[in-house]
Amino acid sequence: MNQAIQFVDRYRYIVDRKAIQFEAIVSGLIVYCFIKHNGDQVEEYLNQNKFDLEEQATELIENCLLYTSPSPR
C-alpha cells in the first residue's frame, strides 16, 4: 500500500463512458480513475472488487509517476 496515494470513497457511474469513476489523491493532486463497466449492479460490483480496483489503480499511478518524474541532475 502506497500511503502517498489515497482514494476518495466516492464512486459514480458515468453513462456516456460506460465506466465507474473514482478519485485518488496523489501528492495533493486529484487523479480521476475510470473502470469500464456495463452499469449493472454497480454498488454490488464495487463492494466485491473495491480493494482490487484500488490496488490496480495504485500500480498504474505508480508506473505513471515513475515515467513522468524529472530525472535527477
Protein backbone atom coordinates (compact mmCIF):
# COMPACT_ATOMS: atom_id res chain seq x y z
CA MET A 1 0.00 0.00 0.00
CA ASN A 2 1.38 3.37 -1.03
CA GLN A 3 0.49 5.98 1.58
CA ALA A 4 1.26 8.79 -0.90
CA ILE A 5 -1.82 7.66 -2.85
CA GLN A 6 -5.17 7.99 -1.10
CA PHE A 7 -8.52 7.01 -2.56
CA VAL A 8 -11.60 9.12 -2.01
CA ASP A 9 -14.60 6.98 -1.05
CA ARG A 10 -16.74 8.48 -3.82
CA TYR A 11 -17.72 6.42 -6.82
CA ARG A 12 -20.15 7.19 -9.63
CA TYR A 13 -21.21 5.58 -12.86
CA ILE A 14 -20.66 7.70 -15.99
CA VAL A 15 -23.21 6.59 -18.59
CA ASP A 16 -21.50 8.26 -21.58
CA ARG A 17 -18.21 6.49 -20.81
CA LYS A 18 -19.82 3.26 -19.61
CA ALA A 19 -17.40 3.41 -16.70
CA ILE A 20 -17.18 3.80 -12.96
CA GLN A 21 -15.27 6.91 -11.91
CA PHE A 22 -13.36 7.23 -8.67
CA GLU A 23 -10.69 9.60 -7.44
CA ALA A 24 -7.23 9.25 -5.97
CA ILE A 25 -5.21 11.98 -4.31
CA VAL A 26 -1.56 11.82 -5.29
CA SER A 27 0.81 14.35 -3.72
CA GLY A 28 -2.10 16.75 -3.28
CA LEU A 29 -3.40 16.38 -6.85
CA ILE A 30 -6.67 14.70 -7.80
CA VAL A 31 -6.32 11.85 -10.29
CA TYR A 32 -9.53 10.60 -11.91
CA CYS A 33 -9.66 6.85 -12.44
CA PHE A 34 -12.11 5.03 -14.70
CA ILE A 35 -13.06 1.37 -14.81
CA LYS A 36 -15.08 0.10 -17.77
CA HIS A 37 -18.37 -1.41 -16.57
CA ASN A 38 -21.73 -2.16 -18.14
CA GLY A 39 -23.70 -0.32 -15.44
CA ASP A 40 -25.42 -3.36 -13.93
CA GLN A 41 -25.29 -3.67 -10.13
CA VAL A 42 -22.52 -1.09 -9.74
CA GLU A 43 -22.79 -0.94 -5.95
CA GLU A 44 -22.55 -4.73 -5.60
CA TYR A 45 -19.61 -4.81 -8.04
CA LEU A 46 -17.77 -2.17 -6.00
CA ASN A 47 -18.48 -3.95 -2.72
CA GLN A 48 -16.89 -7.11 -4.10
CA ASN A 49 -13.98 -5.54 -6.01
CA LYS A 50 -13.14 -2.18 -4.45
CA PHE A 51 -9.86 -3.26 -2.86
CA ASP A 52 -8.63 -4.96 -6.05
CA LEU A 53 -9.57 -1.93 -8.17
CA GLU A 54 -7.68 0.39 -5.84
CA GLU A 55 -4.63 -1.90 -5.93
CA GLN A 56 -4.67 -1.93 -9.75
CA ALA A 57 -5.08 1.84 -9.86
CA THR A 58 -2.18 2.23 -7.40
CA GLU A 59 0.09 0.18 -9.67
CA LEU A 60 -0.89 2.22 -12.72
CA ILE A 61 -0.40 5.53 -10.89
CA GLU A 62 3.00 4.42 -9.56
CA ASN A 63 4.10 3.41 -13.07
CA CYS A 64 2.90 6.72 -14.45
CA LEU A 65 4.79 8.64 -11.75
CA LEU A 66 7.91 6.60 -12.47
CA TYR A 67 7.90 7.65 -16.14
CA THR A 68 6.83 11.28 -15.62
CA SER A 69 9.15 12.20 -12.75
CA PRO A 70 12.00 14.53 -13.70
CA SER A 71 15.38 12.85 -13.92
CA PRO A 72 17.90 13.66 -11.17
CA ARG A 73 20.64 16.12 -12.11
